[in-house]
Amino acid sequence: QAKLGCHKRQARVIQADARSIATLGLPSIDYCLTSPPYWDMLRRKGFETQEERRQNGLPLTYSDSPDDFGNIGDYDRFLDGVCQIYELLYTYLRPGAYLTVVVKNVKKNNRMYPLAWDIGRRLSETYTLKDERIWLQDNLRLAPFGMFNAWVSNTHHHYCLNLRKEP
């Protein structure tokens, strides 16, 4: 039976704009777990989590900055920006390293935007898409929004997209 050794690790917390990754002096990365903002959903009046955030004393938006991806109203511009960050990250991943992106599709204005699928498709041009896992949030209640009109339920799952920088 192999005995696992204890290794001291130092963590470094960096608060910066991800678009400036080249200026951060990052070492080679073995694994990255991340989740992008879900577009501008926190800005939507009546969004299902706003009341919960309000009750818990959390801000309803992350910022008012035009540089905040959560403030970009145009879906394609938002998607381009998010994918560009993950494409910049590719340089810092060692060969064989993995990137896991936790994301879900977004419903807005009576339409579903396939954010998870679009990110997976776009990033598979740079990375190898190896797998997907579904993270089921079965502790949430089903809410039939628009019942008797244009029914759509709330979303109870995220996609964990597992991508690899092939050696």
Protein backbone atom coordinates (compact mmCIF):
# COMPACT_ATOMS: atom_id res chain seq x y z
CA GLN A 1 0.00 0.00 0.00
CA ALA A 2 1.47 3.31 -1.07
CA LYS A 3 1.77 6.00 1.53
CA LEU A 4 0.80 9.48 0.40
CA GLY A 5 3.29 12.17 1.33
CA CYS A 6 2.32 15.57 2.62
CA HIS A 7 3.36 18.44 0.43
CA LYS A 8 3.20 22.04 1.47
CA ARG A 9 1.39 24.08 -1.11
CA GLN A 10 1.08 27.81 -1.26
CA ALA A 11 -2.00 29.39 -2.68
CA ARG A 12 -2.05 32.79 -4.28
CA VAL A 13 -5.28 34.72 -4.69
CA ILE A 14 -5.30 37.04 -7.67
CA GLN A 15 -7.99 39.62 -8.23
CA ALA A 16 -7.71 40.89 -11.79
CA ASP A 17 -9.46 41.13 -15.11
CA ALA A 18 -9.14 37.69 -16.74
CA ARG A 19 -8.52 39.39 -20.08
CA SER A 20 -5.15 40.55 -18.67
CA ILE A 21 -3.96 37.01 -17.94
CA ALA A 22 -0.67 37.67 -19.77
CA THR A 23 0.31 40.23 -17.11
CA LEU A 24 -0.31 37.97 -14.08
CA GLY A 25 2.90 35.91 -14.15
CA LEU A 26 1.06 32.61 -13.87
CA PRO A 27 2.95 29.31 -13.63
CA SER A 28 2.01 26.30 -15.73
CA ILE A 29 -1.49 25.13 -14.78
CA ASP A 30 -2.40 21.46 -14.29
CA TYR A 31 -6.17 21.85 -13.91
CA CYS A 32 -8.62 24.73 -14.08
CA LEU A 33 -12.19 24.62 -12.75
CA THR A 34 -14.25 27.66 -13.66
CA SER A 35 -17.73 28.99 -14.26
CA PRO A 36 -18.50 32.07 -16.33
CA PRO A 37 -21.23 34.55 -15.46
CA TYR A 38 -24.56 33.46 -16.90
CA TRP A 39 -24.69 36.39 -19.26
CA ASP A 40 -26.70 39.32 -17.86
CA MET A 41 -29.16 37.20 -15.87
CA LEU A 42 -28.55 38.99 -12.56
CA ARG A 43 -29.70 42.22 -14.22
CA ARG A 44 -33.05 40.79 -15.26
CA LYS A 45 -35.98 42.07 -13.25
CA GLY A 46 -37.91 39.20 -11.72
CA PHE A 47 -35.09 36.73 -12.26
CA GLU A 48 -35.80 33.75 -9.99
CA THR A 49 -32.75 34.24 -7.77
CA GLN A 50 -33.19 37.99 -7.17
CA GLU A 51 -35.58 37.56 -4.25
CA GLU A 52 -33.35 34.91 -2.67
CA ARG A 53 -30.28 37.14 -3.11
CA ARG A 54 -32.18 40.08 -1.61
CA GLN A 55 -33.25 37.99 1.41
CA ASN A 56 -29.65 36.86 1.97
CA GLY A 57 -28.30 40.42 1.76
CA LEU A 58 -26.39 39.73 -1.46
CA PRO A 59 -26.02 42.28 -4.25
CA LEU A 60 -28.41 41.88 -7.19
CA THR A 61 -25.61 42.62 -9.65
CA TYR A 62 -21.86 42.17 -9.46
CA SER A 63 -21.05 45.70 -10.66
CA ASP A 64 -22.08 48.53 -12.95
CA SER A 65 -18.78 48.41 -14.84
CA PRO A 66 -18.96 48.16 -18.64
CA ASP A 67 -16.00 45.75 -18.34
CA ASP A 68 -18.13 43.31 -16.30
CA PHE A 69 -19.27 40.46 -18.57
CA GLY A 70 -22.51 40.28 -16.60
CA ASN A 71 -23.40 43.70 -18.05
CA ILE A 72 -23.05 42.78 -21.73
CA GLY A 73 -26.53 42.72 -23.27
CA ASP A 74 -25.64 41.19 -26.65
CA TYR A 75 -25.45 37.39 -26.49
CA ASP A 76 -22.90 36.93 -29.30
CA ARG A 77 -20.60 39.62 -27.88
CA PHE A 78 -20.85 38.00 -24.43
CA LEU A 79 -20.12 34.53 -25.86
CA ASP A 80 -17.11 35.84 -27.81
CA GLY A 81 -15.66 37.51 -24.71
CA VAL A 82 -16.04 34.47 -22.47
CA CYS A 83 -14.56 32.11 -25.07
CA GLN A 84 -11.65 34.47 -25.72
CA ILE A 85 -10.67 34.24 -22.05
CA TYR A 86 -10.67 30.43 -22.17
CA GLU A 87 -8.65 30.56 -25.39
CA LEU A 88 -6.08 32.83 -23.66
CA LEU A 89 -5.93 30.36 -20.77
CA TYR A 90 -4.89 27.59 -23.19
CA THR A 91 -1.33 28.98 -23.31
CA TYR A 92 -0.95 28.58 -19.53
CA LEU A 93 -2.21 25.00 -19.32
CA ARG A 94 0.49 22.37 -19.46
CA PRO A 95 0.13 19.73 -22.20
CA GLY A 96 -2.39 17.13 -21.02
CA ALA A 97 -4.06 19.54 -18.56
CA TYR A 98 -7.81 19.80 -18.19
CA LEU A 99 -10.25 22.68 -18.11
CA THR A 100 -13.71 22.15 -16.61
CA VAL A 101 -16.31 24.81 -17.35
CA VAL A 102 -19.49 24.67 -15.24
CA VAL A 103 -22.27 26.40 -17.17
CA LYS A 104 -25.93 26.13 -18.04
CA ASN A 105 -28.13 27.23 -20.88
CA VAL A 106 -30.00 30.50 -20.34
CA LYS A 107 -33.66 31.35 -20.79
CA LYS A 108 -34.41 34.97 -21.62
CA ASN A 109 -37.36 36.72 -23.27
CA ASN A 110 -39.27 33.51 -24.07
CA ARG A 111 -36.23 31.92 -25.70
CA MET A 112 -33.53 29.50 -24.65
CA TYR A 113 -29.96 30.50 -25.45
CA PRO A 114 -27.70 27.41 -25.64
CA LEU A 115 -24.83 28.96 -23.68
CA ALA A 116 -23.37 25.65 -22.49
CA TRP A 117 -23.58 24.12 -25.94
CA ASP A 118 -22.17 27.21 -27.65
CA ILE A 119 -19.22 27.37 -25.24
CA GLY A 120 -18.56 23.64 -25.73
CA ARG A 121 -18.67 23.98 -29.52
CA ARG A 122 -16.45 27.06 -29.60
CA LEU A 123 -13.86 25.72 -27.17
CA SER A 124 -13.66 22.39 -29.01
CA GLU A 125 -11.93 24.36 -31.79
CA THR A 126 -9.02 25.00 -29.38
CA TYR A 127 -9.31 22.19 -26.83
CA THR A 128 -10.45 18.59 -27.15
CA LEU A 129 -13.90 18.23 -25.62
CA LYS A 130 -13.50 15.03 -23.62
CA ASP A 131 -16.68 14.66 -21.61
CA GLU A 132 -19.70 16.32 -20.08
CA ARG A 133 -21.27 15.72 -16.73
CA ILE A 134 -24.63 16.92 -15.54
CA TRP A 135 -24.78 18.62 -12.15
CA LEU A 136 -28.37 18.14 -11.04
CA GLN A 137 -29.75 20.58 -8.49
CA ASP A 138 -32.55 18.35 -7.24
CA ASN A 139 -33.05 20.48 -4.15
CA LEU A 140 -34.82 23.19 -6.20
CA ARG A 141 -38.56 23.31 -6.81
CA LEU A 142 -39.93 23.16 -10.32
CA ALA A 143 -41.52 26.47 -11.35
CA PRO A 144 -43.75 26.32 -14.44
CA PHE A 145 -43.26 29.90 -15.68
CA GLY A 146 -45.85 31.06 -18.24
CA MET A 147 -48.27 28.24 -17.42
CA PHE A 148 -51.25 28.18 -19.84
CA ASN A 149 -49.42 30.59 -22.12
CA ALA A 150 -45.91 29.74 -23.31
CA TRP A 151 -44.82 27.24 -20.68
CA VAL A 152 -41.16 27.00 -19.76
CA SER A 153 -39.68 25.55 -16.59
CA ASN A 154 -36.77 26.82 -14.58
CA THR A 155 -33.45 25.05 -15.09
CA HIS A 156 -32.20 22.55 -12.50
CA HIS A 157 -28.96 21.40 -14.04
CA HIS A 158 -25.56 22.65 -15.14
CA TYR A 159 -23.20 21.12 -17.65
CA CYS A 160 -19.65 20.39 -16.49
CA LEU A 161 -17.76 20.54 -19.78
CA ASN A 162 -14.43 18.74 -19.51
CA LEU A 163 -11.87 19.90 -22.05
CA ARG A 164 -8.24 18.93 -22.50
CA LYS A 165 -5.15 20.53 -23.91
CA GLU A 166 -3.83 17.55 -25.81
CA PRO A 167 -0.08 16.87 -25.48
